[in-house]
Amino acid sequence: MSEDAAREALAGAQAALLAALVAGEEAPPGFDRERLLIQESGLISKRRRTVARLRPDLAALLGDGFAAEFDAYARGRPKPPGGSHADARDFADRLRAAGRLPKESVTPGPRRWSPFARRR
């Protein structure tokens, strides 16, 4: 196999693995689906914590249901272009479309830490 063909094969295998982890695709040959589901759950949990940090209003609004609601949103859906802020926005949009978020709710902009910011 040529070096270019080997690189293409590796890129294809990596893409299949990534799709299984973040987009709900089938496990590539040679991978244990159960182990991939465990890893997928870990990645979703990391996204959920980040969105809760970016949008504490959503976490407060949903209370104990936040984790289940976010997991349902994120399972089989890769993080959107734009990163965590886009993920938080898309999650809020989904809640709003389902009637779970008031229309007048304002989406906060990204927060920036400053050593001069006052604590409340």
Protein backbone atom coordinates (compact mmCIF):
# COMPACT_ATOMS: atom_id res chain seq x y z
CA MET A 1 0.00 0.00 0.00
CA SER A 2 1.37 3.39 -0.92
CA GLU A 3 1.88 6.10 1.68
CA ASP A 4 -0.96 8.17 0.20
CA ALA A 5 -3.32 5.19 0.24
CA ALA A 6 -2.35 4.43 3.84
CA ARG A 7 -3.09 8.02 4.84
CA GLU A 8 -6.46 7.93 3.11
CA ALA A 9 -7.33 4.65 4.82
CA LEU A 10 -6.33 6.07 8.21
CA ALA A 11 -8.33 9.25 7.59
CA GLY A 12 -11.37 7.16 6.68
CA ALA A 13 -11.02 5.03 9.80
CA GLN A 14 -10.65 8.12 11.99
CA ALA A 15 -13.72 9.73 10.41
CA ALA A 16 -15.75 6.57 11.03
CA LEU A 17 -14.64 6.46 14.66
CA LEU A 18 -15.46 10.13 15.18
CA ALA A 19 -18.89 9.68 13.59
CA ALA A 20 -19.58 6.76 15.95
CA LEU A 21 -18.55 8.85 18.96
CA VAL A 22 -20.36 12.11 18.23
CA ALA A 23 -22.98 11.46 15.56
CA GLY A 24 -24.52 8.13 16.58
CA GLU A 25 -23.14 6.21 13.61
CA GLU A 26 -22.37 2.50 13.72
CA ALA A 27 -19.14 1.40 15.37
CA PRO A 28 -16.36 0.86 12.82
CA PRO A 29 -15.10 -2.69 12.38
CA GLY A 30 -12.90 -3.77 15.25
CA PHE A 31 -14.46 -1.42 17.85
CA ASP A 32 -16.71 -2.47 20.69
CA ARG A 33 -20.01 -0.58 20.40
CA GLU A 34 -20.62 -0.69 24.16
CA ARG A 35 -17.27 0.93 24.89
CA LEU A 36 -17.94 3.60 22.29
CA LEU A 37 -21.31 4.33 23.94
CA ILE A 38 -19.52 4.83 27.26
CA GLN A 39 -17.11 7.26 25.63
CA GLU A 40 -19.98 9.01 23.84
CA SER A 41 -21.72 9.50 27.20
CA GLY A 42 -18.55 11.01 28.62
CA LEU A 43 -18.27 13.46 25.73
CA ILE A 44 -21.92 14.46 26.11
CA SER A 45 -21.42 14.96 29.83
CA LYS A 46 -18.49 17.29 29.13
CA ARG A 47 -20.61 19.29 26.67
CA ARG A 48 -23.47 19.44 29.21
CA ARG A 49 -21.22 20.85 31.93
CA THR A 50 -19.90 23.49 29.54
CA VAL A 51 -23.39 24.53 28.43
CA ALA A 52 -24.52 24.70 32.07
CA ARG A 53 -21.58 26.99 32.80
CA LEU A 54 -22.35 29.19 29.79
CA ARG A 55 -26.12 29.23 30.37
CA PRO A 56 -26.82 28.79 34.09
CA ASP A 57 -30.31 30.14 33.40
CA LEU A 58 -31.11 27.02 31.37
CA ALA A 59 -29.78 24.73 34.08
CA ALA A 60 -31.86 26.57 36.68
CA LEU A 61 -34.97 26.57 34.50
CA LEU A 62 -34.80 22.82 33.86
CA GLY A 63 -33.58 21.88 37.33
CA ASP A 64 -33.13 18.14 37.73
CA GLY A 65 -34.30 17.63 34.15
CA PHE A 66 -31.39 19.56 32.65
CA ALA A 67 -29.13 16.52 32.22
CA ALA A 68 -31.77 14.36 30.53
CA GLU A 69 -32.95 17.24 28.31
CA PHE A 70 -29.42 18.11 27.21
CA ASP A 71 -28.47 14.48 26.65
CA ALA A 72 -31.50 13.99 24.40
CA TYR A 73 -30.47 17.11 22.45
CA ALA A 74 -26.80 16.10 22.15
CA ARG A 75 -27.07 12.36 21.45
CA GLY A 76 -26.33 11.78 17.79
CA ARG A 77 -25.64 15.48 17.23
CA PRO A 78 -22.04 16.69 16.98
CA LYS A 79 -21.11 20.00 18.55
CA PRO A 80 -22.07 22.66 15.99
CA PRO A 81 -19.58 24.90 14.22
CA GLY A 82 -18.89 27.78 16.56
CA GLY A 83 -18.08 25.57 19.51
CA SER A 84 -19.62 25.61 22.96
CA HIS A 85 -21.34 28.98 22.57
CA ALA A 86 -23.12 27.72 19.45
CA ASP A 87 -24.00 24.50 21.31
CA ALA A 88 -25.58 26.51 24.13
CA ARG A 89 -27.46 28.69 21.63
CA ASP A 90 -28.75 25.69 19.67
CA PHE A 91 -29.85 23.94 22.87
CA ALA A 92 -31.73 27.08 23.97
CA ASP A 93 -33.30 27.33 20.50
CA ARG A 94 -34.49 23.74 20.78
CA LEU A 95 -36.01 24.44 24.19
CA ARG A 96 -37.67 27.60 22.85
CA ALA A 97 -39.10 25.73 19.84
CA ALA A 98 -40.52 23.09 22.19
CA GLY A 99 -42.16 25.80 24.30
CA ARG A 100 -39.89 25.09 27.28
CA LEU A 101 -38.18 28.50 27.23
CA PRO A 102 -39.95 31.85 27.33
CA LYS A 103 -39.69 33.80 24.10
CA GLU A 104 -38.58 36.91 25.96
CA SER A 105 -35.63 35.06 27.47
CA VAL A 106 -32.44 36.85 26.57
CA THR A 107 -29.46 34.80 25.52
CA PRO A 108 -26.47 36.07 27.46
CA GLY A 109 -23.33 36.83 25.52
CA PRO A 110 -20.03 35.20 26.29
CA ARG A 111 -18.62 36.13 29.65
CA ARG A 112 -15.05 37.20 29.99
CA TRP A 113 -13.15 37.00 33.19
CA SER A 114 -11.58 40.17 34.40
CA PRO A 115 -9.50 40.69 37.51
CA PHE A 116 -11.32 44.02 37.89
CA ALA A 117 -14.85 42.61 37.74
CA ARG A 118 -16.88 43.07 40.91
CA ARG A 119 -18.14 40.06 42.74
CA ARG A 120 -21.81 40.01 43.55
